[in-house]
mmCIF file of all heavy atoms, coordinates in Angstrom:
data_MODEL
# 
_entry.id   MODEL 
# 
loop_
_atom_site.group_PDB 
_atom_site.id 
_atom_site.type_symbol 
_atom_site.label_atom_id 
_atom_site.label_alt_id 
_atom_site.label_comp_id 
_atom_site.label_asym_id 
_atom_site.label_entity_id 
_atom_site.label_seq_id 
_atom_site.pdbx_PDB_ins_code 
_atom_site.Cartn_x 
_atom_site.Cartn_y 
_atom_site.Cartn_z 
_atom_site.occupancy 
_atom_site.B_iso_or_equiv 
_atom_site.pdbx_formal_charge 
_atom_site.auth_seq_id 
_atom_site.auth_comp_id 
_atom_site.auth_asym_id 
_atom_site.auth_atom_id 
_atom_site.pdbx_PDB_model_num 
ATOM 1   N N   . ALA A 1 1  ? 95.627 96.282  93.704  1.00 0.00 ? 1  ALA A N   1 
ATOM 2   C CA  . ALA A 1 1  ? 95.234 94.995  93.810  1.00 0.00 ? 1  ALA A CA  1 
ATOM 3   C C   . ALA A 1 1  ? 93.879 94.778  92.946  1.00 0.00 ? 1  ALA A C   1 
ATOM 4   O O   . ALA A 1 1  ? 93.711 93.735  92.216  1.00 0.00 ? 1  ALA A O   1 
ATOM 5   C CB  . ALA A 1 1  ? 94.919 94.467  95.188  1.00 0.00 ? 1  ALA A CB  1 
ATOM 6   N N   . ILE A 1 2  ? 92.975 95.680  93.072  1.00 0.00 ? 2  ILE A N   1 
ATOM 7   C CA  . ILE A 1 2  ? 91.717 95.629  92.372  1.00 0.00 ? 2  ILE A CA  1 
ATOM 8   C C   . ILE A 1 2  ? 91.944 95.749  90.824  1.00 0.00 ? 2  ILE A C   1 
ATOM 9   O O   . ILE A 1 2  ? 91.356 95.034  90.032  1.00 0.00 ? 2  ILE A O   1 
ATOM 10  C CB  . ILE A 1 2  ? 90.868 96.772  92.881  1.00 0.00 ? 2  ILE A CB  1 
ATOM 11  C CG1 . ILE A 1 2  ? 90.342 96.518  94.232  1.00 0.00 ? 2  ILE A CG1 1 
ATOM 12  C CG2 . ILE A 1 2  ? 89.649 97.028  91.950  1.00 0.00 ? 2  ILE A CG2 1 
ATOM 13  C CD1 . ILE A 1 2  ? 89.435 97.641  94.860  1.00 0.00 ? 2  ILE A CD1 1 
ATOM 14  N N   . VAL A 1 3  ? 92.880 96.635  90.323  1.00 0.00 ? 3  VAL A N   1 
ATOM 15  C CA  . VAL A 1 3  ? 92.950 96.852  88.904  1.00 0.00 ? 3  VAL A CA  1 
ATOM 16  C C   . VAL A 1 3  ? 93.903 95.790  88.310  1.00 0.00 ? 3  VAL A C   1 
ATOM 17  O O   . VAL A 1 3  ? 93.881 95.554  87.073  1.00 0.00 ? 3  VAL A O   1 
ATOM 18  C CB  . VAL A 1 3  ? 93.555 98.274  88.557  1.00 0.00 ? 3  VAL A CB  1 
ATOM 19  C CG1 . VAL A 1 3  ? 92.668 99.346  89.137  1.00 0.00 ? 3  VAL A CG1 1 
ATOM 20  C CG2 . VAL A 1 3  ? 94.963 98.439  89.100  1.00 0.00 ? 3  VAL A CG2 1 
ATOM 21  N N   . THR A 1 4  ? 94.694 95.065  89.161  1.00 0.00 ? 4  THR A N   1 
ATOM 22  C CA  . THR A 1 4  ? 95.594 94.110  88.656  1.00 0.00 ? 4  THR A CA  1 
ATOM 23  C C   . THR A 1 4  ? 94.974 92.760  88.333  1.00 0.00 ? 4  THR A C   1 
ATOM 24  O O   . THR A 1 4  ? 95.195 92.151  87.385  1.00 0.00 ? 4  THR A O   1 
ATOM 25  C CB  . THR A 1 4  ? 96.726 93.719  89.764  1.00 0.00 ? 4  THR A CB  1 
ATOM 26  O OG1 . THR A 1 4  ? 97.456 95.042  89.985  1.00 0.00 ? 4  THR A OG1 1 
ATOM 27  C CG2 . THR A 1 4  ? 97.726 92.733  89.161  1.00 0.00 ? 4  THR A CG2 1 
ATOM 28  N N   . ASP A 1 5  ? 94.018 92.467  89.236  1.00 0.00 ? 5  ASP A N   1 
ATOM 29  C CA  . ASP A 1 5  ? 93.200 91.245  89.028  1.00 0.00 ? 5  ASP A CA  1 
ATOM 30  C C   . ASP A 1 5  ? 91.837 91.232  89.656  1.00 0.00 ? 5  ASP A C   1 
ATOM 31  O O   . ASP A 1 5  ? 91.595 92.198  90.308  1.00 0.00 ? 5  ASP A O   1 
ATOM 32  C CB  . ASP A 1 5  ? 93.993 90.007  89.528  1.00 0.00 ? 5  ASP A CB  1 
ATOM 33  C CG  . ASP A 1 5  ? 93.737 88.695  88.881  1.00 0.00 ? 5  ASP A CG  1 
ATOM 34  O OD1 . ASP A 1 5  ? 92.773 88.618  88.066  1.00 0.00 ? 5  ASP A OD1 1 
ATOM 35  O OD2 . ASP A 1 5  ? 94.323 87.710  89.241  1.00 0.00 ? 5  ASP A OD2 1 
ATOM 36  N N   . SER A 1 6  ? 91.044 90.305  89.351  1.00 0.00 ? 6  SER A N   1 
ATOM 37  C CA  . SER A 1 6  ? 89.583 90.174  89.914  1.00 0.00 ? 6  SER A CA  1 
ATOM 38  C C   . SER A 1 6  ? 89.719 89.458  91.229  1.00 0.00 ? 6  SER A C   1 
ATOM 39  O O   . SER A 1 6  ? 90.068 88.249  91.189  1.00 0.00 ? 6  SER A O   1 
ATOM 40  C CB  . SER A 1 6  ? 88.747 89.540  88.937  1.00 0.00 ? 6  SER A CB  1 
ATOM 41  O OG  . SER A 1 6  ? 87.449 89.445  89.338  1.00 0.00 ? 6  SER A OG  1 
ATOM 42  N N   . HIS A 1 7  ? 89.371 90.098  92.266  1.00 0.00 ? 7  HIS A N   1 
ATOM 43  C CA  . HIS A 1 7  ? 89.437 89.529  93.589  1.00 0.00 ? 7  HIS A CA  1 
ATOM 44  C C   . HIS A 1 7  ? 88.138 89.684  94.334  1.00 0.00 ? 7  HIS A C   1 
ATOM 45  O O   . HIS A 1 7  ? 87.608 90.767  94.299  1.00 0.00 ? 7  HIS A O   1 
ATOM 46  C CB  . HIS A 1 7  ? 90.705 90.073  94.345  1.00 0.00 ? 7  HIS A CB  1 
ATOM 47  C CG  . HIS A 1 7  ? 91.943 89.835  93.804  1.00 0.00 ? 7  HIS A CG  1 
ATOM 48  N ND1 . HIS A 1 7  ? 92.561 88.527  93.768  1.00 0.00 ? 7  HIS A ND1 1 
ATOM 49  C CD2 . HIS A 1 7  ? 92.846 90.609  93.290  1.00 0.00 ? 7  HIS A CD2 1 
ATOM 50  C CE1 . HIS A 1 7  ? 93.691 88.577  93.282  1.00 0.00 ? 7  HIS A CE1 1 
ATOM 51  N NE2 . HIS A 1 7  ? 93.993 89.856  92.916  1.00 0.00 ? 7  HIS A NE2 1 
ATOM 52  N N   . THR A 1 8  ? 87.701 88.662  95.075  1.00 0.00 ? 8  THR A N   1 
ATOM 53  C CA  . THR A 1 8  ? 86.588 88.959  96.038  1.00 0.00 ? 8  THR A CA  1 
ATOM 54  C C   . THR A 1 8  ? 87.319 89.674  97.243  1.00 0.00 ? 8  THR A C   1 
ATOM 55  O O   . THR A 1 8  ? 88.508 89.710  97.403  1.00 0.00 ? 8  THR A O   1 
ATOM 56  C CB  . THR A 1 8  ? 85.957 87.708  96.532  1.00 0.00 ? 8  THR A CB  1 
ATOM 57  O OG1 . THR A 1 8  ? 86.995 86.839  97.220  1.00 0.00 ? 8  THR A OG1 1 
ATOM 58  C CG2 . THR A 1 8  ? 85.423 86.942  95.287  1.00 0.00 ? 8  THR A CG2 1 
ATOM 59  N N   . LEU A 1 9  ? 86.424 90.296  98.087  1.00 0.00 ? 9  LEU A N   1 
ATOM 60  C CA  . LEU A 1 9  ? 86.867 90.997  99.357  1.00 0.00 ? 9  LEU A CA  1 
ATOM 61  C C   . LEU A 1 9  ? 87.614 89.926  100.177 1.00 0.00 ? 9  LEU A C   1 
ATOM 62  O O   . LEU A 1 9  ? 88.529 90.197  100.875 1.00 0.00 ? 9  LEU A O   1 
ATOM 63  C CB  . LEU A 1 9  ? 85.771 91.544  100.052 1.00 0.00 ? 9  LEU A CB  1 
ATOM 64  C CG  . LEU A 1 9  ? 85.336 93.047  99.767  1.00 0.00 ? 9  LEU A CG  1 
ATOM 65  C CD1 . LEU A 1 9  ? 85.146 93.166  98.248  1.00 0.00 ? 9  LEU A CD1 1 
ATOM 66  C CD2 . LEU A 1 9  ? 84.308 93.628  100.584 1.00 0.00 ? 9  LEU A CD2 1 
ATOM 67  N N   . TYR A 1 10 ? 87.023 88.636  100.277 1.00 0.00 ? 10 TYR A N   1 
ATOM 68  C CA  . TYR A 1 10 ? 87.772 87.716  100.997 1.00 0.00 ? 10 TYR A CA  1 
ATOM 69  C C   . TYR A 1 10 ? 89.134 87.373  100.643 1.00 0.00 ? 10 TYR A C   1 
ATOM 70  O O   . TYR A 1 10 ? 90.180 87.400  101.420 1.00 0.00 ? 10 TYR A O   1 
ATOM 71  C CB  . TYR A 1 10 ? 86.874 86.326  100.884 1.00 0.00 ? 10 TYR A CB  1 
ATOM 72  C CG  . TYR A 1 10 ? 87.313 85.276  101.721 1.00 0.00 ? 10 TYR A CG  1 
ATOM 73  C CD1 . TYR A 1 10 ? 87.156 85.067  103.148 1.00 0.00 ? 10 TYR A CD1 1 
ATOM 74  C CD2 . TYR A 1 10 ? 88.195 84.270  101.128 1.00 0.00 ? 10 TYR A CD2 1 
ATOM 75  C CE1 . TYR A 1 10 ? 87.606 83.864  103.901 1.00 0.00 ? 10 TYR A CE1 1 
ATOM 76  C CE2 . TYR A 1 10 ? 88.649 83.093  101.822 1.00 0.00 ? 10 TYR A CE2 1 
ATOM 77  C CZ  . TYR A 1 10 ? 88.376 83.024  103.254 1.00 0.00 ? 10 TYR A CZ  1 
ATOM 78  O OH  . TYR A 1 10 ? 88.815 81.974  103.965 1.00 0.00 ? 10 TYR A OH  1 
ATOM 79  N N   . GLU A 1 11 ? 89.330 87.307  99.243  1.00 0.00 ? 11 GLU A N   1 
ATOM 80  C CA  . GLU A 1 11 ? 90.743 87.162  98.756  1.00 0.00 ? 11 GLU A CA  1 
ATOM 81  C C   . GLU A 1 11 ? 91.612 88.335  99.017  1.00 0.00 ? 11 GLU A C   1 
ATOM 82  O O   . GLU A 1 11 ? 92.818 88.285  99.318  1.00 0.00 ? 11 GLU A O   1 
ATOM 83  C CB  . GLU A 1 11 ? 90.621 86.875  97.290  1.00 0.00 ? 11 GLU A CB  1 
ATOM 84  C CG  . GLU A 1 11 ? 90.011 85.466  97.020  1.00 0.00 ? 11 GLU A CG  1 
ATOM 85  C CD  . GLU A 1 11 ? 89.506 85.324  95.516  1.00 0.00 ? 11 GLU A CD  1 
ATOM 86  O OE1 . GLU A 1 11 ? 89.353 86.339  94.902  1.00 0.00 ? 11 GLU A OE1 1 
ATOM 87  O OE2 . GLU A 1 11 ? 89.348 84.277  95.144  1.00 0.00 ? 11 GLU A OE2 1 
ATOM 88  N N   . LEU A 1 12 ? 90.957 89.563  98.871  1.00 0.00 ? 12 LEU A N   1 
ATOM 89  C CA  . LEU A 1 12 ? 91.756 90.753  98.980  1.00 0.00 ? 12 LEU A CA  1 
ATOM 90  C C   . LEU A 1 12 ? 92.188 90.884  100.505 1.00 0.00 ? 12 LEU A C   1 
ATOM 91  O O   . LEU A 1 12 ? 93.457 91.318  100.723 1.00 0.00 ? 12 LEU A O   1 
ATOM 92  C CB  . LEU A 1 12 ? 90.895 92.072  98.724  1.00 0.00 ? 12 LEU A CB  1 
ATOM 93  C CG  . LEU A 1 12 ? 90.900 92.521  97.218  1.00 0.00 ? 12 LEU A CG  1 
ATOM 94  C CD1 . LEU A 1 12 ? 89.883 93.697  97.144  1.00 0.00 ? 12 LEU A CD1 1 
ATOM 95  C CD2 . LEU A 1 12 ? 92.179 92.852  96.753  1.00 0.00 ? 12 LEU A CD2 1 
ATOM 96  N N   . SER A 1 13 ? 91.376 90.569  101.427 1.00 0.00 ? 13 SER A N   1 
ATOM 97  C CA  . SER A 1 13 ? 91.826 90.672  102.744 1.00 0.00 ? 13 SER A CA  1 
ATOM 98  C C   . SER A 1 13 ? 93.001 89.804  103.191 1.00 0.00 ? 13 SER A C   1 
ATOM 99  O O   . SER A 1 13 ? 94.004 90.245  103.861 1.00 0.00 ? 13 SER A O   1 
ATOM 100 C CB  . SER A 1 13 ? 90.645 90.360  103.715 1.00 0.00 ? 13 SER A CB  1 
ATOM 101 O OG  . SER A 1 13 ? 90.398 88.891  103.664 1.00 0.00 ? 13 SER A OG  1 
ATOM 102 N N   . HIS A 1 14 ? 93.152 88.581  102.454 1.00 0.00 ? 14 HIS A N   1 
ATOM 103 C CA  . HIS A 1 14 ? 94.259 87.753  102.696 1.00 0.00 ? 14 HIS A CA  1 
ATOM 104 C C   . HIS A 1 14 ? 95.479 88.264  101.978 1.00 0.00 ? 14 HIS A C   1 
ATOM 105 O O   . HIS A 1 14 ? 96.592 88.304  102.451 1.00 0.00 ? 14 HIS A O   1 
ATOM 106 C CB  . HIS A 1 14 ? 93.934 86.368  102.281 1.00 0.00 ? 14 HIS A CB  1 
ATOM 107 C CG  . HIS A 1 14 ? 93.067 85.614  103.198 1.00 0.00 ? 14 HIS A CG  1 
ATOM 108 N ND1 . HIS A 1 14 ? 91.658 85.775  103.292 1.00 0.00 ? 14 HIS A ND1 1 
ATOM 109 C CD2 . HIS A 1 14 ? 93.350 84.650  104.151 1.00 0.00 ? 14 HIS A CD2 1 
ATOM 110 C CE1 . HIS A 1 14 ? 91.252 84.999  104.210 1.00 0.00 ? 14 HIS A CE1 1 
ATOM 111 N NE2 . HIS A 1 14 ? 92.196 84.208  104.750 1.00 0.00 ? 14 HIS A NE2 1 
ATOM 112 N N   . GLN A 1 15 ? 95.259 88.733  100.726 1.00 0.00 ? 15 GLN A N   1 
ATOM 113 C CA  . GLN A 1 15 ? 96.424 89.238  99.953  1.00 0.00 ? 15 GLN A CA  1 
ATOM 114 C C   . GLN A 1 15 ? 97.099 90.472  100.606 1.00 0.00 ? 15 GLN A C   1 
ATOM 115 O O   . GLN A 1 15 ? 98.286 90.589  100.618 1.00 0.00 ? 15 GLN A O   1 
ATOM 116 C CB  . GLN A 1 15 ? 95.855 89.609  98.474  1.00 0.00 ? 15 GLN A CB  1 
ATOM 117 C CG  . GLN A 1 15 ? 97.026 90.000  97.581  1.00 0.00 ? 15 GLN A CG  1 
ATOM 118 C CD  . GLN A 1 15 ? 96.503 90.377  96.228  1.00 0.00 ? 15 GLN A CD  1 
ATOM 119 O OE1 . GLN A 1 15 ? 95.457 89.860  95.840  1.00 0.00 ? 15 GLN A OE1 1 
ATOM 120 N NE2 . GLN A 1 15 ? 97.120 91.287  95.494  1.00 0.00 ? 15 GLN A NE2 1 
ATOM 121 N N   . LEU A 1 16 ? 96.156 91.343  101.031 1.00 0.00 ? 16 LEU A N   1 
ATOM 122 C CA  . LEU A 1 16 ? 96.745 92.675  101.716 1.00 0.00 ? 16 LEU A CA  1 
ATOM 123 C C   . LEU A 1 16 ? 97.021 92.652  103.097 1.00 0.00 ? 16 LEU A C   1 
ATOM 124 O O   . LEU A 1 16 ? 97.469 93.564  103.716 1.00 0.00 ? 16 LEU A O   1 
ATOM 125 C CB  . LEU A 1 16 ? 95.663 93.785  101.310 1.00 0.00 ? 16 LEU A CB  1 
ATOM 126 C CG  . LEU A 1 16 ? 95.449 94.007  99.811  1.00 0.00 ? 16 LEU A CG  1 
ATOM 127 C CD1 . LEU A 1 16 ? 94.332 94.921  99.673  1.00 0.00 ? 16 LEU A CD1 1 
ATOM 128 C CD2 . LEU A 1 16 ? 96.706 94.652  99.227  1.00 0.00 ? 16 LEU A CD2 1 
ATOM 129 N N   . ASN A 1 17 ? 96.639 91.385  103.684 1.00 0.00 ? 17 ASN A N   1 
ATOM 130 C CA  . ASN A 1 17 ? 96.900 91.195  105.174 1.00 0.00 ? 17 ASN A CA  1 
ATOM 131 C C   . ASN A 1 17 ? 96.195 92.231  105.932 1.00 0.00 ? 17 ASN A C   1 
ATOM 132 O O   . ASN A 1 17 ? 96.568 92.884  106.897 1.00 0.00 ? 17 ASN A O   1 
ATOM 133 C CB  . ASN A 1 17 ? 98.462 91.235  105.511 1.00 0.00 ? 17 ASN A CB  1 
ATOM 134 C CG  . ASN A 1 17 ? 98.562 90.617  106.807 1.00 0.00 ? 17 ASN A CG  1 
ATOM 135 O OD1 . ASN A 1 17 ? 97.811 89.756  107.363 1.00 0.00 ? 17 ASN A OD1 1 
ATOM 136 N ND2 . ASN A 1 17 ? 99.706 91.103  107.543 1.00 0.00 ? 17 ASN A ND2 1 
ATOM 137 N N   . LEU A 1 18 ? 94.839 92.439  105.479 1.00 0.00 ? 18 LEU A N   1 
ATOM 138 C CA  . LEU A 1 18 ? 93.961 93.400  106.286 1.00 0.00 ? 18 LEU A CA  1 
ATOM 139 C C   . LEU A 1 18 ? 92.753 92.550  106.822 1.00 0.00 ? 18 LEU A C   1 
ATOM 140 O O   . LEU A 1 18 ? 92.121 91.855  105.959 1.00 0.00 ? 18 LEU A O   1 
ATOM 141 C CB  . LEU A 1 18 ? 93.471 94.361  105.323 1.00 0.00 ? 18 LEU A CB  1 
ATOM 142 C CG  . LEU A 1 18 ? 94.484 95.493  104.843 1.00 0.00 ? 18 LEU A CG  1 
ATOM 143 C CD1 . LEU A 1 18 ? 93.852 96.447  103.731 1.00 0.00 ? 18 LEU A CD1 1 
ATOM 144 C CD2 . LEU A 1 18 ? 94.930 96.471  105.984 1.00 0.00 ? 18 LEU A CD2 1 
ATOM 145 N N   . LYS A 1 19 ? 92.363 92.840  108.007 1.00 0.00 ? 19 LYS A N   1 
ATOM 146 C CA  . LYS A 1 19 ? 91.132 92.176  108.539 1.00 0.00 ? 19 LYS A CA  1 
ATOM 147 C C   . LYS A 1 19 ? 89.943 92.795  107.750 1.00 0.00 ? 19 LYS A C   1 
ATOM 148 O O   . LYS A 1 19 ? 89.822 93.930  107.360 1.00 0.00 ? 19 LYS A O   1 
ATOM 149 C CB  . LYS A 1 19 ? 90.967 92.365  110.018 1.00 0.00 ? 19 LYS A CB  1 
ATOM 150 C CG  . LYS A 1 19 ? 92.093 91.713  110.794 1.00 0.00 ? 19 LYS A CG  1 
ATOM 151 C CD  . LYS A 1 19 ? 91.953 91.821  112.271 1.00 0.00 ? 19 LYS A CD  1 
ATOM 152 C CE  . LYS A 1 19 ? 93.037 91.048  113.086 1.00 0.00 ? 19 LYS A CE  1 
ATOM 153 N NZ  . LYS A 1 19 ? 92.874 91.294  114.453 1.00 0.00 ? 19 LYS A NZ  1 
ATOM 154 N N   . MET A 1 20 ? 88.916 91.874  107.680 1.00 0.00 ? 20 MET A N   1 
ATOM 155 C CA  . MET A 1 20 ? 87.678 92.336  106.892 1.00 0.00 ? 20 MET A CA  1 
ATOM 156 C C   . MET A 1 20 ? 87.043 93.664  107.344 1.00 0.00 ? 20 MET A C   1 
ATOM 157 O O   . MET A 1 20 ? 86.687 94.464  106.505 1.00 0.00 ? 20 MET A O   1 
ATOM 158 C CB  . MET A 1 20 ? 86.631 91.071  106.895 1.00 0.00 ? 20 MET A CB  1 
ATOM 159 C CG  . MET A 1 20 ? 85.571 91.320  105.986 1.00 0.00 ? 20 MET A CG  1 
ATOM 160 S SD  . MET A 1 20 ? 86.093 91.421  104.213 1.00 0.00 ? 20 MET A SD  1 
ATOM 161 C CE  . MET A 1 20 ? 86.622 89.658  104.069 1.00 0.00 ? 20 MET A CE  1 
ATOM 162 N N   . PRO A 1 21 ? 86.883 93.851  108.655 1.00 0.00 ? 21 PRO A N   1 
ATOM 163 C CA  . PRO A 1 21 ? 86.375 95.190  108.954 1.00 0.00 ? 21 PRO A CA  1 
ATOM 164 C C   . PRO A 1 21 ? 87.180 96.371  108.548 1.00 0.00 ? 21 PRO A C   1 
ATOM 165 O O   . PRO A 1 21 ? 86.686 97.364  108.244 1.00 0.00 ? 21 PRO A O   1 
ATOM 166 C CB  . PRO A 1 21 ? 86.239 95.166  110.548 1.00 0.00 ? 21 PRO A CB  1 
ATOM 167 C CG  . PRO A 1 21 ? 86.282 93.659  110.870 1.00 0.00 ? 21 PRO A CG  1 
ATOM 168 C CD  . PRO A 1 21 ? 87.066 93.028  109.761 1.00 0.00 ? 21 PRO A CD  1 
ATOM 169 N N   . THR A 1 22 ? 88.460 96.162  108.684 1.00 0.00 ? 22 THR A N   1 
ATOM 170 C CA  . THR A 1 22 ? 89.365 97.311  108.263 1.00 0.00 ? 22 THR A CA  1 
ATOM 171 C C   . THR A 1 22 ? 89.228 97.527  106.728 1.00 0.00 ? 22 THR A C   1 
ATOM 172 O O   . THR A 1 22 ? 89.186 98.680  106.240 1.00 0.00 ? 22 THR A O   1 
ATOM 173 C CB  . THR A 1 22 ? 90.893 96.990  108.572 1.00 0.00 ? 22 THR A CB  1 
ATOM 174 O OG1 . THR A 1 22 ? 90.886 96.549  110.043 1.00 0.00 ? 22 THR A OG1 1 
ATOM 175 C CG2 . THR A 1 22 ? 91.756 98.041  108.322 1.00 0.00 ? 22 THR A CG2 1 
ATOM 176 N N   . LEU A 1 23 ? 89.323 96.437  105.991 1.00 0.00 ? 23 LEU A N   1 
ATOM 177 C CA  . LEU A 1 23 ? 89.255 96.420  104.502 1.00 0.00 ? 23 LEU A CA  1 
ATOM 178 C C   . LEU A 1 23 ? 87.889 97.264  104.085 1.00 0.00 ? 23 LEU A C   1 
ATOM 179 O O   . LEU A 1 23 ? 87.819 98.083  103.253 1.00 0.00 ? 23 LEU A O   1 
ATOM 180 C CB  . LEU A 1 23 ? 89.252 95.014  103.912 1.00 0.00 ? 23 LEU A CB  1 
ATOM 181 C CG  . LEU A 1 23 ? 89.130 94.978  102.381 1.00 0.00 ? 23 LEU A CG  1 
ATOM 182 C CD1 . LEU A 1 23 ? 90.200 95.910  101.681 1.00 0.00 ? 23 LEU A CD1 1 
ATOM 183 C CD2 . LEU A 1 23 ? 89.253 93.531  101.909 1.00 0.00 ? 23 LEU A CD2 1 
ATOM 184 N N   . ASN A 1 24 ? 86.753 96.709  104.713 1.00 0.00 ? 24 ASN A N   1 
ATOM 185 C CA  . ASN A 1 24 ? 85.383 97.318  104.433 1.00 0.00 ? 24 ASN A CA  1 
ATOM 186 C C   . ASN A 1 24 ? 85.484 98.839  104.755 1.00 0.00 ? 24 ASN A C   1 
ATOM 187 O O   . ASN A 1 24 ? 84.864 99.579  103.965 1.00 0.00 ? 24 ASN A O   1 
ATOM 188 C CB  . ASN A 1 24 ? 84.437 96.560  105.412 1.00 0.00 ? 24 ASN A CB  1 
ATOM 189 C CG  . ASN A 1 24 ? 83.747 95.458  104.724 1.00 0.00 ? 24 ASN A CG  1 
ATOM 190 O OD1 . ASN A 1 24 ? 83.545 95.428  103.547 1.00 0.00 ? 24 ASN A OD1 1 
ATOM 191 N ND2 . ASN A 1 24 ? 83.551 94.335  105.391 1.00 0.00 ? 24 ASN A ND2 1 
ATOM 192 N N   . HIS A 1 25 ? 86.178 99.214  105.815 1.00 0.00 ? 25 HIS A N   1 
ATOM 193 C CA  . HIS A 1 25 ? 86.229 100.593 106.235 1.00 0.00 ? 25 HIS A CA  1 
ATOM 194 C C   . HIS A 1 25 ? 86.920 101.463 105.003 1.00 0.00 ? 25 HIS A C   1 
ATOM 195 O O   . HIS A 1 25 ? 86.398 102.416 104.568 1.00 0.00 ? 25 HIS A O   1 
ATOM 196 C CB  . HIS A 1 25 ? 87.127 100.728 107.466 1.00 0.00 ? 25 HIS A CB  1 
ATOM 197 C CG  . HIS A 1 25 ? 87.482 102.164 107.735 1.00 0.00 ? 25 HIS A CG  1 
ATOM 198 N ND1 . HIS A 1 25 ? 86.492 103.121 108.204 1.00 0.00 ? 25 HIS A ND1 1 
ATOM 199 C CD2 . HIS A 1 25 ? 88.648 102.964 107.650 1.00 0.00 ? 25 HIS A CD2 1 
ATOM 200 C CE1 . HIS A 1 25 ? 87.010 104.361 108.504 1.00 0.00 ? 25 HIS A CE1 1 
ATOM 201 N NE2 . HIS A 1 25 ? 88.260 104.209 108.076 1.00 0.00 ? 25 HIS A NE2 1 
ATOM 202 N N   . TYR A 1 26 ? 87.950 100.899 104.481 1.00 0.00 ? 26 TYR A N   1 
ATOM 203 C CA  . TYR A 1 26 ? 88.609 101.656 103.315 1.00 0.00 ? 26 TYR A CA  1 
ATOM 204 C C   . TYR A 1 26 ? 87.872 101.536 102.025 1.00 0.00 ? 26 TYR A C   1 
ATOM 205 O O   . TYR A 1 26 ? 87.678 102.621 101.376 1.00 0.00 ? 26 TYR A O   1 
ATOM 206 C CB  . TYR A 1 26 ? 89.975 101.017 103.157 1.00 0.00 ? 26 TYR A CB  1 
ATOM 207 C CG  . TYR A 1 26 ? 91.011 101.183 104.120 1.00 0.00 ? 26 TYR A CG  1 
ATOM 208 C CD1 . TYR A 1 26 ? 91.727 100.211 104.778 1.00 0.00 ? 26 TYR A CD1 1 
ATOM 209 C CD2 . TYR A 1 26 ? 91.461 102.543 104.413 1.00 0.00 ? 26 TYR A CD2 1 
ATOM 210 C CE1 . TYR A 1 26 ? 92.524 100.503 105.855 1.00 0.00 ? 26 TYR A CE1 1 
ATOM 211 C CE2 . TYR A 1 26 ? 92.447 102.876 105.244 1.00 0.00 ? 26 TYR A CE2 1 
ATOM 212 C CZ  . TYR A 1 26 ? 93.065 101.881 105.985 1.00 0.00 ? 26 TYR A CZ  1 
ATOM 213 O OH  . TYR A 1 26 ? 93.965 102.086 107.026 1.00 0.00 ? 26 TYR A OH  1 
# 
């Protein structure tokens, strides 16, 4: 997702269906 397009973490969490704390962990 990062290399495909420019996304904020907020957008990434929705796109990947990951909660923000989980996404931050990764």
